[in-house]
Amino acid sequence: MHLDATRRAVRPYSRGFLLVVVFCAQSFAGYKSVKVKAEPARSYPFHQQQGTLTIAVDPYDTKEKLKTAFDLKELEQMGIVPVHVIISNDGEDPVAISGQDINLLDPSNRSFEPLAVDEVVRAVVYKESPRTRNPSPSPIPFPRGSGRRGDAFEIETDLTNKSLRDLRVPPKSNSGGFVFFRLPNNRAKLGGYRVYIPGIRNLKTRESLLFFEIELK
């Protein structure tokens, strides 16, 4: 009798425990990664060609367009604008580009540096307001605040994977990634701005190529 009573007492607890586990798993799996394909750079409205290299920039500056790349309404709320940079290398040599070198120029020629991915993660996951300009990376890990989302790992992984860092573009290929900007007063529309892209290198000859400057009309 004692054993049967124990079993009856444990069963309801087990069912309740399973429900809690299922609920937590659903809460932690809320973020959905959306794949973004890099098409040939010449197919985008804003592009520039120099020799065998073509670079395009595609701003995600509307709510509808943001949904096609990021499952994050916080980007718009924080005034963070992702810009997709696409490189088409039609030459015979590989080239390299770094997202950290890319700047945004306003109509008055003021320059805005891209946000580090860590800072975008802070804004989205931990509700910390990002700075307009990107500070030097801190060697101290950023705090895990009380506002942390349950799907923080998935968000950080997706943002990191989609960001444009040190990118090597092989011959006869297309590649790209996102840089993230935050403008004063949470401005989202980038019409009239220019994307300045320096520091492109031919990895075979070790030569630096001319900069690209693409206007967002």
N, C-alpha and C. Protein backbone atom coordinates (compact mmCIF):
# COMPACT_ATOMS: atom_id res chain seq x y z
N MET A 1 0.84 -1.20 0.00
CA MET A 1 0.00 0.00 0.00
C MET A 1 0.87 1.25 0.00
N HIS A 2 1.94 1.22 0.77
CA HIS A 2 2.82 2.40 0.86
C HIS A 2 3.44 2.69 -0.50
N LEU A 3 3.89 1.66 -1.24
CA LEU A 3 4.52 1.84 -2.55
C LEU A 3 3.53 2.41 -3.55
N ASP A 4 2.27 1.92 -3.57
CA ASP A 4 1.25 2.42 -4.48
C ASP A 4 0.95 3.88 -4.21
N ALA A 5 0.89 4.25 -2.96
CA ALA A 5 0.60 5.64 -2.61
C ALA A 5 1.70 6.56 -3.09
N THR A 6 2.94 6.09 -2.94
CA THR A 6 4.09 6.89 -3.39
C THR A 6 4.04 7.12 -4.89
N ARG A 7 3.70 6.04 -5.65
CA ARG A 7 3.62 6.16 -7.10
C ARG A 7 2.55 7.16 -7.51
N ARG A 8 1.38 7.10 -6.80
CA ARG A 8 0.29 8.02 -7.13
C ARG A 8 0.70 9.46 -6.84
N ALA A 9 1.49 9.67 -5.81
CA ALA A 9 1.92 11.02 -5.45
C ALA A 9 2.93 11.56 -6.44
N VAL A 10 3.78 10.69 -6.98
CA VAL A 10 4.83 11.12 -7.89
C VAL A 10 4.29 11.45 -9.26
N ARG A 11 3.28 10.71 -9.74
CA ARG A 11 2.80 10.88 -11.11
C ARG A 11 2.32 12.29 -11.41
N PRO A 12 1.45 12.90 -10.57
CA PRO A 12 1.02 14.28 -10.86
C PRO A 12 2.20 15.24 -10.91
N TYR A 13 3.15 15.06 -9.99
CA TYR A 13 4.33 15.93 -9.96
C TYR A 13 5.12 15.80 -11.24
N SER A 14 5.27 14.55 -11.74
CA SER A 14 6.03 14.32 -12.97
C SER A 14 5.36 14.98 -14.16
N ARG A 15 4.03 14.87 -14.24
CA ARG A 15 3.32 15.51 -15.35
C ARG A 15 3.48 17.02 -15.29
N GLY A 16 3.40 17.58 -14.09
CA GLY A 16 3.58 19.03 -13.95
C GLY A 16 4.98 19.46 -14.32
N PHE A 17 5.96 18.64 -13.93
CA PHE A 17 7.36 18.97 -14.25
C PHE A 17 7.58 18.96 -15.76
N LEU A 18 6.98 17.97 -16.45
CA LEU A 18 7.12 17.89 -17.90
C LEU A 18 6.50 19.10 -18.59
N LEU A 19 5.35 19.55 -18.06
CA LEU A 19 4.71 20.72 -18.65
C LEU A 19 5.59 21.95 -18.51
N VAL A 20 6.25 22.10 -17.36
CA VAL A 20 7.16 23.23 -17.15
C VAL A 20 8.33 23.17 -18.11
N VAL A 21 8.90 21.97 -18.30
CA VAL A 21 10.03 21.80 -19.20
C VAL A 21 9.64 22.14 -20.63
N VAL A 22 8.47 21.66 -21.07
CA VAL A 22 8.00 21.95 -22.43
C VAL A 22 7.78 23.44 -22.61
N PHE A 23 7.16 24.08 -21.61
CA PHE A 23 6.90 25.52 -21.70
C PHE A 23 8.19 26.30 -21.80
N CYS A 24 9.20 25.94 -20.99
CA CYS A 24 10.50 26.63 -21.02
C CYS A 24 11.18 26.43 -22.37
N ALA A 25 11.10 25.22 -22.90
CA ALA A 25 11.74 24.96 -24.19
C ALA A 25 11.12 25.81 -25.28
N GLN A 26 9.77 25.98 -25.23
CA GLN A 26 9.12 26.82 -26.22
C GLN A 26 9.52 28.27 -26.06
N SER A 27 9.67 28.73 -24.83
CA SER A 27 10.05 30.12 -24.59
C SER A 27 11.46 30.41 -25.09
N PHE A 28 12.34 29.44 -24.97
CA PHE A 28 13.73 29.65 -25.34
C PHE A 28 13.95 29.41 -26.84
N ALA A 29 12.93 29.02 -27.56
CA ALA A 29 13.10 28.74 -28.99
C ALA A 29 12.27 29.70 -29.83
N GLY A 30 12.09 30.94 -29.34
CA GLY A 30 11.22 31.87 -30.01
C GLY A 30 11.82 32.52 -31.24
N TYR A 31 13.14 32.69 -31.29
CA TYR A 31 13.76 33.42 -32.40
C TYR A 31 13.92 32.51 -33.62
N LYS A 32 13.55 33.05 -34.77
CA LYS A 32 13.66 32.31 -36.02
C LYS A 32 14.69 32.97 -36.93
N SER A 33 15.70 32.24 -37.33
CA SER A 33 16.71 32.76 -38.23
C SER A 33 16.18 32.76 -39.66
N VAL A 34 16.33 33.89 -40.33
CA VAL A 34 15.86 34.04 -41.71
C VAL A 34 17.08 34.11 -42.63
N LYS A 35 17.12 33.25 -43.63
CA LYS A 35 18.26 33.22 -44.54
C LYS A 35 18.19 34.37 -45.52
N VAL A 36 19.33 35.05 -45.73
CA VAL A 36 19.43 36.15 -46.68
C VAL A 36 20.47 35.78 -47.73
N LYS A 37 20.06 35.74 -48.98
CA LYS A 37 20.96 35.34 -50.06
C LYS A 37 21.60 36.56 -50.70
N ALA A 38 22.88 36.45 -51.02
CA ALA A 38 23.59 37.52 -51.72
C ALA A 38 23.48 37.29 -53.22
N GLU A 39 22.70 38.13 -53.88
CA GLU A 39 22.57 38.06 -55.34
C GLU A 39 23.73 38.82 -55.98
N PRO A 40 23.93 38.69 -57.30
CA PRO A 40 24.98 39.49 -57.95
C PRO A 40 24.79 40.97 -57.65
N ALA A 41 25.88 41.65 -57.35
CA ALA A 41 25.82 43.05 -56.89
C ALA A 41 25.14 43.96 -57.90
N ARG A 42 25.30 43.69 -59.17
CA ARG A 42 24.71 44.55 -60.20
C ARG A 42 23.19 44.50 -60.21
N SER A 43 22.60 43.52 -59.53
CA SER A 43 21.15 43.39 -59.52
C SER A 43 20.49 44.30 -58.47
N TYR A 44 21.27 44.96 -57.63
CA TYR A 44 20.72 45.84 -56.60
C TYR A 44 20.70 47.29 -57.10
N PRO A 45 19.72 48.09 -56.66
CA PRO A 45 19.63 49.48 -57.14
C PRO A 45 20.87 50.32 -56.82
N PHE A 46 21.46 50.13 -55.63
CA PHE A 46 22.59 50.95 -55.22
C PHE A 46 23.88 50.14 -55.34
N HIS A 47 24.62 50.35 -56.42
CA HIS A 47 25.87 49.60 -56.61
C HIS A 47 26.87 50.45 -57.39
N GLN A 48 28.10 50.04 -57.31
CA GLN A 48 29.19 50.72 -58.02
C GLN A 48 30.17 49.67 -58.52
N GLN A 49 30.70 49.89 -59.71
CA GLN A 49 31.64 48.94 -60.30
C GLN A 49 32.97 49.61 -60.56
N GLN A 50 34.03 48.89 -60.22
CA GLN A 50 35.40 49.32 -60.56
C GLN A 50 36.12 48.09 -61.10
N GLY A 51 36.41 48.10 -62.40
CA GLY A 51 37.06 46.96 -63.01
C GLY A 51 36.21 45.71 -62.90
N THR A 52 36.79 44.67 -62.33
CA THR A 52 36.07 43.39 -62.19
C THR A 52 35.35 43.25 -60.86
N LEU A 53 35.33 44.33 -60.07
CA LEU A 53 34.72 44.28 -58.74
C LEU A 53 33.49 45.18 -58.70
N THR A 54 32.38 44.63 -58.25
CA THR A 54 31.14 45.40 -58.08
C THR A 54 30.67 45.24 -56.64
N ILE A 55 30.32 46.36 -56.02
CA ILE A 55 29.82 46.34 -54.64
C ILE A 55 28.46 47.02 -54.61
N ALA A 56 27.52 46.38 -53.93
CA ALA A 56 26.19 46.94 -53.74
C ALA A 56 25.90 47.09 -52.26
N VAL A 57 25.04 48.05 -51.93
CA VAL A 57 24.57 48.22 -50.55
C VAL A 57 23.05 48.22 -50.57
N ASP A 58 22.46 47.51 -49.63
CA ASP A 58 21.01 47.34 -49.59
C ASP A 58 20.53 47.64 -48.17
N PRO A 59 20.04 48.86 -47.92
CA PRO A 59 19.60 49.21 -46.56
C PRO A 59 18.28 48.56 -46.17
N TYR A 60 18.22 48.07 -44.95
CA TYR A 60 16.98 47.48 -44.41
C TYR A 60 16.38 48.52 -43.46
N ASP A 61 15.79 49.56 -44.07
CA ASP A 61 15.36 50.73 -43.31
C ASP A 61 13.85 50.88 -43.21
N THR A 62 13.12 49.79 -43.46
CA THR A 62 11.67 49.79 -43.23
C THR A 62 11.31 48.56 -42.41
N LYS A 63 10.17 48.65 -41.71
CA LYS A 63 9.72 47.54 -40.87
C LYS A 63 9.50 46.28 -41.70
N GLU A 64 8.91 46.46 -42.89
CA GLU A 64 8.61 45.31 -43.74
C GLU A 64 9.90 44.62 -44.21
N LYS A 65 10.89 45.40 -44.58
CA LYS A 65 12.12 44.80 -45.08
C LYS A 65 12.92 44.15 -43.96
N LEU A 66 12.90 44.75 -42.77
CA LEU A 66 13.60 44.15 -41.64
C LEU A 66 13.11 42.73 -41.37
N LYS A 67 11.81 42.51 -41.54
CA LYS A 67 11.24 41.19 -41.28
C LYS A 67 11.80 40.12 -42.22
N THR A 68 12.29 40.52 -43.38
CA THR A 68 12.81 39.54 -44.34
C THR A 68 14.22 39.08 -44.00
N ALA A 69 14.82 39.67 -42.98
CA ALA A 69 16.19 39.28 -42.60
C ALA A 69 16.35 38.99 -41.12
N PHE A 70 15.60 39.69 -40.26
CA PHE A 70 15.78 39.56 -38.82
C PHE A 70 14.42 39.48 -38.12
N ASP A 71 14.27 38.51 -37.24
CA ASP A 71 13.06 38.34 -36.45
C ASP A 71 13.18 39.17 -35.17
N LEU A 72 13.40 40.50 -35.37
CA LEU A 72 13.72 41.37 -34.24
C LEU A 72 13.05 42.73 -34.43
N LYS A 73 11.95 42.96 -33.75
CA LYS A 73 11.32 44.28 -33.81
C LYS A 73 12.14 45.31 -33.04
N GLU A 74 13.05 44.83 -32.16
CA GLU A 74 13.85 45.75 -31.36
C GLU A 74 14.81 46.58 -32.20
N LEU A 75 15.20 46.09 -33.37
CA LEU A 75 16.12 46.87 -34.21
C LEU A 75 15.48 48.21 -34.58
N GLU A 76 14.24 48.17 -35.02
CA GLU A 76 13.54 49.41 -35.37
C GLU A 76 13.31 50.27 -34.14
N GLN A 77 12.94 49.65 -33.03
CA GLN A 77 12.67 50.40 -31.80
C GLN A 77 13.91 51.12 -31.30
N MET A 78 15.07 50.52 -31.48
CA MET A 78 16.33 51.11 -31.03
C MET A 78 16.96 52.04 -32.09
N GLY A 79 16.34 52.12 -33.26
CA GLY A 79 16.90 52.96 -34.31
C GLY A 79 18.15 52.39 -34.94
N ILE A 80 18.27 51.06 -34.97
CA ILE A 80 19.43 50.40 -35.58
C ILE A 80 19.06 49.99 -37.00
N VAL A 81 19.88 50.44 -37.98
CA VAL A 81 19.59 50.16 -39.38
C VAL A 81 20.64 49.19 -39.93
N PRO A 82 20.26 47.97 -40.29
CA PRO A 82 21.19 47.05 -40.94
C PRO A 82 21.35 47.43 -42.42
N VAL A 83 22.58 47.36 -42.90
CA VAL A 83 22.86 47.60 -44.32
C VAL A 83 23.58 46.36 -44.86
N HIS A 84 22.98 45.73 -45.85
CA HIS A 84 23.57 44.55 -46.47
C HIS A 84 24.58 45.00 -47.52
N VAL A 85 25.80 44.56 -47.38
CA VAL A 85 26.87 44.89 -48.34
C VAL A 85 27.18 43.63 -49.15
N ILE A 86 27.06 43.74 -50.47
CA ILE A 86 27.25 42.58 -51.35
C ILE A 86 28.42 42.85 -52.28
N ILE A 87 29.33 41.89 -52.39
CA ILE A 87 30.51 42.02 -53.23
C ILE A 87 30.48 40.95 -54.31
N SER A 88 30.58 41.37 -55.56
CA SER A 88 30.71 40.44 -56.69
C SER A 88 32.13 40.58 -57.26
N ASN A 89 32.88 39.51 -57.17
CA ASN A 89 34.25 39.49 -57.66
C ASN A 89 34.30 38.70 -58.96
N ASP A 90 34.35 39.42 -60.10
CA ASP A 90 34.40 38.76 -61.41
C ASP A 90 35.82 38.60 -61.93
N GLY A 91 36.80 38.93 -61.09
CA GLY A 91 38.20 38.82 -61.49
C GLY A 91 38.78 37.45 -61.24
N GLU A 92 40.11 37.36 -61.40
CA GLU A 92 40.82 36.10 -61.25
C GLU A 92 41.50 35.96 -59.89
N ASP A 93 41.53 37.05 -59.11
CA ASP A 93 42.21 37.03 -57.82
C ASP A 93 41.22 37.21 -56.67
N PRO A 94 41.48 36.60 -55.53
CA PRO A 94 40.61 36.82 -54.36
C PRO A 94 40.83 38.22 -53.79
N VAL A 95 39.78 38.79 -53.21
CA VAL A 95 39.88 40.10 -52.57
C VAL A 95 39.37 39.98 -51.14
N ALA A 96 39.76 40.96 -50.31
CA ALA A 96 39.36 40.96 -48.90
C ALA A 96 38.76 42.31 -48.54
N ILE A 97 37.78 42.28 -47.65
CA ILE A 97 37.13 43.51 -47.19
C ILE A 97 36.79 43.33 -45.71
N SER A 98 36.82 44.43 -44.96
CA SER A 98 36.49 44.38 -43.54
C SER A 98 35.31 45.29 -43.25
N GLY A 99 34.30 44.75 -42.58
CA GLY A 99 33.12 45.54 -42.24
C GLY A 99 33.42 46.67 -41.28
N GLN A 100 34.46 46.54 -40.46
CA GLN A 100 34.80 47.58 -39.50
C GLN A 100 35.28 48.86 -40.18
N ASP A 101 35.74 48.74 -41.43
CA ASP A 101 36.25 49.91 -42.14
C ASP A 101 35.16 50.72 -42.83
N ILE A 102 33.95 50.18 -42.91
CA ILE A 102 32.87 50.82 -43.65
C ILE A 102 32.22 51.91 -42.80
N ASN A 103 32.04 53.09 -43.39
CA ASN A 103 31.41 54.21 -42.70
C ASN A 103 30.18 54.68 -43.48
N LEU A 104 29.32 55.39 -42.76
CA LEU A 104 28.14 56.01 -43.37
C LEU A 104 28.35 57.52 -43.32
N LEU A 105 28.15 58.19 -44.45
CA LEU A 105 28.35 59.63 -44.54
C LEU A 105 27.00 60.31 -44.76
N ASP A 106 26.70 61.32 -43.94
CA ASP A 106 25.43 62.03 -44.11
C ASP A 106 25.59 63.15 -45.14
N PRO A 107 24.50 63.84 -45.50
CA PRO A 107 24.60 64.91 -46.51
C PRO A 107 25.58 66.02 -46.15
N SER A 108 25.89 66.19 -44.85
CA SER A 108 26.87 67.20 -44.42
C SER A 108 28.27 66.62 -44.33
N ASN A 109 28.44 65.40 -44.79
CA ASN A 109 29.73 64.70 -44.81
C ASN A 109 30.20 64.28 -43.42
N ARG A 110 29.30 64.22 -42.45
CA ARG A 110 29.65 63.65 -41.15
C ARG A 110 29.72 62.14 -41.29
N SER A 111 30.66 61.55 -40.57
CA SER A 111 30.91 60.12 -40.70
C SER A 111 30.38 59.36 -39.49
N PHE A 112 29.73 58.23 -39.74
CA PHE A 112 29.22 57.37 -38.67
C PHE A 112 29.82 55.98 -38.82
N GLU A 113 30.41 55.51 -37.74
CA GLU A 113 31.02 54.18 -37.74
C GLU A 113 29.96 53.12 -37.48
N PRO A 114 30.19 51.90 -37.94
CA PRO A 114 29.21 50.83 -37.67
C PRO A 114 29.26 50.39 -36.22
N LEU A 115 28.14 49.91 -35.72
CA LEU A 115 28.10 49.32 -34.39
C LEU A 115 28.76 47.95 -34.40
N ALA A 116 29.48 47.64 -33.34
CA ALA A 116 29.98 46.28 -33.18
C ALA A 116 28.80 45.34 -32.94
N VAL A 117 28.94 44.10 -33.37
CA VAL A 117 27.85 43.14 -33.18
C VAL A 117 27.52 42.99 -31.71
N ASP A 118 28.53 43.00 -30.84
CA ASP A 118 28.27 42.89 -29.40
C ASP A 118 27.33 44.00 -28.92
N GLU A 119 27.49 45.19 -29.50
CA GLU A 119 26.65 46.30 -29.07
C GLU A 119 25.21 46.14 -29.57
N VAL A 120 25.06 45.58 -30.75
CA VAL A 120 23.71 45.29 -31.26
C VAL A 120 23.04 44.24 -30.37
N VAL A 121 23.81 43.23 -29.98
CA VAL A 121 23.27 42.18 -29.10
C VAL A 121 22.85 42.79 -27.76
N ARG A 122 23.66 43.69 -27.21
CA ARG A 122 23.29 44.34 -25.95
C ARG A 122 21.95 45.05 -26.07
N ALA A 123 21.80 45.76 -27.19
CA ALA A 123 20.57 46.53 -27.38
C ALA A 123 19.35 45.63 -27.50
N VAL A 124 19.48 44.55 -28.25
CA VAL A 124 18.34 43.69 -28.53
C VAL A 124 18.03 42.75 -27.36
N VAL A 125 19.07 42.14 -26.82
CA VAL A 125 18.87 41.10 -25.80
C VAL A 125 18.77 41.69 -24.40
N TYR A 126 19.61 42.69 -24.10
CA TYR A 126 19.68 43.21 -22.73
C TYR A 126 19.10 44.60 -22.59
N LYS A 127 18.48 45.12 -23.69
CA LYS A 127 17.77 46.39 -23.66
C LYS A 127 18.66 47.56 -23.28
N GLU A 128 19.94 47.49 -23.65
CA GLU A 128 20.85 48.60 -23.42
C GLU A 128 20.85 49.49 -24.65
N SER A 129 20.79 50.80 -24.45
CA SER A 129 20.76 51.72 -25.58
C SER A 129 22.14 51.80 -26.23
N PRO A 130 22.24 51.52 -27.54
CA PRO A 130 23.54 51.61 -28.20
C PRO A 130 23.94 53.05 -28.43
N ARG A 131 25.23 53.30 -28.54
CA ARG A 131 25.72 54.65 -28.85
C ARG A 131 25.57 54.91 -30.34
N THR A 132 25.53 56.19 -30.68
CA THR A 132 25.46 56.55 -32.09
C THR A 132 26.73 56.16 -32.81
N ARG A 133 27.88 56.37 -32.15
CA ARG A 133 29.15 55.98 -32.74
C ARG A 133 29.68 54.75 -32.01
N ASN A 134 30.42 53.95 -32.69
CA ASN A 134 30.93 52.71 -32.14
C ASN A 134 32.18 52.97 -31.31
N PRO A 135 32.17 52.69 -30.00
CA PRO A 135 33.37 52.87 -29.19
C PRO A 135 34.37 51.76 -29.44
N SER A 136 35.56 51.94 -28.91
CA SER A 136 36.56 50.87 -29.01
C SER A 136 36.06 49.66 -28.24
N PRO A 137 36.25 48.45 -28.79
CA PRO A 137 35.78 47.25 -28.11
C PRO A 137 36.38 47.13 -26.72
N SER A 138 35.55 46.76 -25.77
CA SER A 138 36.01 46.62 -24.39
C SER A 138 36.48 45.20 -24.13
N PRO A 139 37.61 45.03 -23.42
CA PRO A 139 38.05 43.67 -23.08
C PRO A 139 37.21 43.04 -21.99
N ILE A 140 36.34 43.84 -21.36
CA ILE A 140 35.50 43.34 -20.28
C ILE A 140 34.19 42.83 -20.86
N PRO A 141 33.80 41.58 -20.57
CA PRO A 141 32.53 41.07 -21.10
C PRO A 141 31.35 41.94 -20.68
N PHE A 142 30.39 42.16 -21.58
CA PHE A 142 29.26 43.01 -21.23
C PHE A 142 28.35 42.28 -20.26
N PRO A 143 27.67 43.03 -19.39
CA PRO A 143 26.87 42.40 -18.33
C PRO A 143 25.64 41.72 -18.88
N ARG A 144 25.23 40.65 -18.21
CA ARG A 144 24.00 39.94 -18.54
C ARG A 144 22.90 40.49 -17.64
N GLY A 145 22.17 41.47 -18.13
CA GLY A 145 21.20 42.17 -17.32
C GLY A 145 19.93 41.38 -17.08
N SER A 146 19.05 41.98 -16.29
CA SER A 146 17.82 41.29 -15.93
C SER A 146 16.83 41.24 -17.09
N GLY A 147 17.06 42.07 -18.13
CA GLY A 147 16.14 42.09 -19.26
C GLY A 147 16.48 41.06 -20.33
N ARG A 148 17.33 40.13 -20.04
CA ARG A 148 17.78 39.15 -21.03
C ARG A 148 16.63 38.33 -21.59
N ARG A 149 16.63 38.19 -22.93
CA ARG A 149 15.65 37.34 -23.59
C ARG A 149 16.07 35.89 -23.48
N GLY A 150 15.06 35.00 -23.48
CA GLY A 150 15.36 33.58 -23.37
C GLY A 150 16.08 33.02 -24.57
N ASP A 151 15.90 33.67 -25.75
CA ASP A 151 16.53 33.17 -26.97
C ASP A 151 17.80 33.96 -27.30
N ALA A 152 18.51 34.41 -26.27
CA ALA A 152 19.70 35.25 -26.45
C ALA A 152 20.76 34.56 -27.30
N PHE A 153 20.97 33.27 -27.06
CA PHE A 153 22.02 32.56 -27.79
C PHE A 153 21.71 32.52 -29.28
N GLU A 154 20.45 32.23 -29.63
CA GLU A 154 20.06 32.17 -31.04
C GLU A 154 20.20 33.53 -31.71
N ILE A 155 19.83 34.60 -31.01
CA ILE A 155 19.93 35.95 -31.57
C ILE A 155 21.39 36.33 -31.80
N GLU A 156 22.22 36.10 -30.78
CA GLU A 156 23.64 36.45 -30.90
C GLU A 156 24.30 35.67 -32.02
N THR A 157 23.97 34.38 -32.15
CA THR A 157 24.55 33.55 -33.21
C THR A 157 24.14 34.06 -34.58
N ASP A 158 22.87 34.39 -34.75
CA ASP A 158 22.37 34.84 -36.06
C ASP A 158 22.99 36.18 -36.45
N LEU A 159 23.03 37.13 -35.51
CA LEU A 159 23.62 38.43 -35.81
C LEU A 159 25.10 38.31 -36.15
N THR A 160 25.80 37.46 -35.42
CA THR A 160 27.22 37.27 -35.68
C THR A 160 27.45 36.63 -37.04
N ASN A 161 26.67 35.61 -37.36
CA ASN A 161 26.84 34.91 -38.64
C ASN A 161 26.51 35.81 -39.83
N LYS A 162 25.57 36.73 -39.66
CA LYS A 162 25.16 37.59 -40.78
C LYS A 162 26.00 38.86 -40.90
N SER A 163 26.79 39.16 -39.88
CA SER A 163 27.54 40.41 -39.91
C SER A 163 28.73 40.31 -40.86
N LEU A 164 29.13 41.47 -41.40
CA LEU A 164 30.28 41.56 -42.29
C LEU A 164 31.51 41.85 -41.44
N ARG A 165 32.35 40.87 -41.30
CA ARG A 165 33.59 41.05 -40.54
C ARG A 165 34.75 41.06 -41.53
N ASP A 166 35.77 40.28 -41.31
CA ASP A 166 36.87 40.16 -42.28
C ASP A 166 36.45 39.11 -43.31
N LEU A 167 36.13 39.58 -44.50
CA LEU A 167 35.54 38.71 -45.51
C LEU A 167 36.50 38.51 -46.68
N ARG A 168 36.69 37.27 -47.08
CA ARG A 168 37.49 36.92 -48.26
C ARG A 168 36.53 36.49 -49.36
N VAL A 169 36.62 37.16 -50.51
CA VAL A 169 35.72 36.87 -51.62
C VAL A 169 36.52 36.19 -52.73
N PRO A 170 36.29 34.91 -52.99
CA PRO A 170 37.03 34.19 -54.03
C PRO A 170 36.70 34.73 -55.43
N PRO A 171 37.53 34.40 -56.41
CA PRO A 171 37.22 34.81 -57.79
C PRO A 171 35.90 34.20 -58.27
N LYS A 172 35.24 34.96 -59.14
CA LYS A 172 33.99 34.50 -59.79
C LYS A 172 32.93 34.12 -58.76
N SER A 173 32.74 34.95 -57.75
CA SER A 173 31.76 34.61 -56.72
C SER A 173 31.12 35.87 -56.15
N ASN A 174 29.99 35.67 -55.46
CA ASN A 174 29.30 36.73 -54.73
C ASN A 174 29.34 36.40 -53.25
N SER A 175 29.49 37.43 -52.44
CA SER A 175 29.45 37.23 -51.00
C SER A 175 29.02 38.54 -50.34
N GLY A 176 28.75 38.49 -49.06
CA GLY A 176 28.32 39.71 -48.39
C GLY A 176 28.02 39.50 -46.92
N GLY A 177 27.56 40.56 -46.29
CA GLY A 177 27.21 40.53 -44.88
C GLY A 177 26.63 41.88 -44.48
N PHE A 178 26.16 41.94 -43.23
CA PHE A 178 25.50 43.15 -42.74
C PHE A 178 26.43 43.99 -41.86
N VAL A 179 26.31 45.31 -42.02
CA VAL A 179 26.86 46.25 -41.05
C VAL A 179 25.67 46.99 -40.44
N PHE A 180 25.83 47.44 -39.19
CA PHE A 180 24.71 48.02 -38.45
C PHE A 180 25.07 49.44 -38.03
N PHE A 181 24.15 50.37 -38.32
CA PHE A 181 24.37 51.76 -37.98
C PHE A 181 23.23 52.27 -37.09
N ARG A 182 23.58 53.23 -36.24
CA ARG A 182 22.57 53.95 -35.47
C ARG A 182 22.83 55.43 -35.64
N LEU A 183 21.82 56.15 -36.09
CA LEU A 183 21.94 57.57 -36.38
C LEU A 183 21.30 58.40 -35.27
N PRO A 184 21.64 59.70 -35.19
CA PRO A 184 21.02 60.55 -34.16
C PRO A 184 19.51 60.58 -34.28
N ASN A 185 18.86 60.69 -33.13
CA ASN A 185 17.40 60.79 -33.05
C ASN A 185 16.69 59.56 -33.64
N ASN A 186 17.39 58.42 -33.62
CA ASN A 186 16.81 57.16 -34.11
C ASN A 186 16.31 57.26 -35.55
N ARG A 187 16.97 58.08 -36.34
CA ARG A 187 16.60 58.19 -37.76
C ARG A 187 16.79 56.83 -38.42
N ALA A 188 15.82 56.44 -39.25
CA ALA A 188 15.88 55.13 -39.90
C ALA A 188 16.12 55.23 -41.39
N LYS A 189 15.53 56.21 -42.04
CA LYS A 189 15.66 56.32 -43.49
C LYS A 189 17.05 56.85 -43.87
N LEU A 190 17.67 56.20 -44.85
CA LEU A 190 19.05 56.54 -45.22
C LEU A 190 19.13 57.27 -46.56
N GLY A 191 18.01 57.76 -47.06
CA GLY A 191 18.04 58.50 -48.31
C GLY A 191 18.93 59.73 -48.20
N GLY A 192 19.83 59.91 -49.19
CA GLY A 192 20.76 61.03 -49.16
C GLY A 192 22.08 60.72 -48.50
N TYR A 193 22.18 59.59 -47.82
CA TYR A 193 23.43 59.17 -47.20
C TYR A 193 24.30 58.44 -48.22
N ARG A 194 25.58 58.30 -47.89
CA ARG A 194 26.51 57.55 -48.73
C ARG A 194 27.23 56.51 -47.88
N VAL A 195 27.49 55.36 -48.48
CA VAL A 195 28.24 54.31 -47.80
C VAL A 195 29.67 54.33 -48.35
N TYR A 196 30.61 54.55 -47.45
CA TYR A 196 32.03 54.68 -47.82
C TYR A 196 32.74 53.37 -47.47
N ILE A 197 33.34 52.74 -48.48
CA ILE A 197 33.95 51.42 -48.31
C ILE A 197 35.42 51.47 -48.74
N PRO A 198 36.34 51.62 -47.79
CA PRO A 198 37.77 51.62 -48.10
C PRO A 198 38.39 50.26 -47.78
N GLY A 199 39.69 50.19 -47.91
CA GLY A 199 40.44 49.04 -47.39
C GLY A 199 40.24 47.74 -48.11
N ILE A 200 39.82 47.76 -49.38
CA ILE A 200 39.66 46.52 -50.15
C ILE A 200 41.03 46.12 -50.69
N ARG A 201 41.37 44.85 -50.54
CA ARG A 201 42.72 44.40 -50.92
C ARG A 201 42.65 43.22 -51.89
N ASN A 202 43.57 43.24 -52.84
CA ASN A 202 43.78 42.08 -53.71
C ASN A 202 44.73 41.15 -52.96
N LEU A 203 44.27 39.97 -52.60
CA LEU A 203 45.07 39.08 -51.76
C LEU A 203 46.23 38.42 -52.50
N LYS A 204 46.19 38.44 -53.82
CA LYS A 204 47.28 37.85 -54.59
C LYS A 204 48.41 38.84 -54.80
N THR A 205 48.07 40.06 -55.21
CA THR A 205 49.09 41.07 -55.49
C THR A 205 49.43 41.91 -54.26
N ARG A 206 48.61 41.81 -53.20
CA ARG A 206 48.77 42.59 -51.97
C ARG A 206 48.50 44.08 -52.19
N GLU A 207 47.89 44.43 -53.28
CA GLU A 207 47.60 45.83 -53.58
C GLU A 207 46.27 46.24 -52.95
N SER A 208 46.21 47.51 -52.52
CA SER A 208 44.96 48.08 -52.03
C SER A 208 44.21 48.70 -53.21
N LEU A 209 42.93 48.45 -53.27
CA LEU A 209 42.12 48.97 -54.36
C LEU A 209 41.53 50.32 -53.98
N LEU A 210 41.03 51.05 -54.97
CA LEU A 210 40.39 52.33 -54.71
C LEU A 210 39.15 52.13 -53.85
N PHE A 211 38.83 53.16 -53.07
CA PHE A 211 37.64 53.07 -52.22
C PHE A 211 36.37 53.14 -53.07
N PHE A 212 35.28 52.63 -52.50
CA PHE A 212 33.96 52.74 -53.10
C PHE A 212 33.13 53.71 -52.26
N GLU A 213 32.33 54.51 -52.94
CA GLU A 213 31.41 55.43 -52.24
C GLU A 213 30.08 55.37 -52.97
N ILE A 214 29.09 54.78 -52.32
CA ILE A 214 27.81 54.49 -52.96
C ILE A 214 26.71 55.33 -52.32
N GLU A 215 26.04 56.12 -53.14
CA GLU A 215 24.99 57.01 -52.64
C GLU A 215 23.65 56.29 -52.57
N LEU A 216 22.96 56.51 -51.47
CA LEU A 216 21.62 55.95 -51.27
C LEU A 216 20.60 57.03 -51.64
N LYS A 217 20.13 57.00 -52.85
CA LYS A 217 19.23 58.06 -53.36
C LYS A 217 17.80 57.86 -52.88
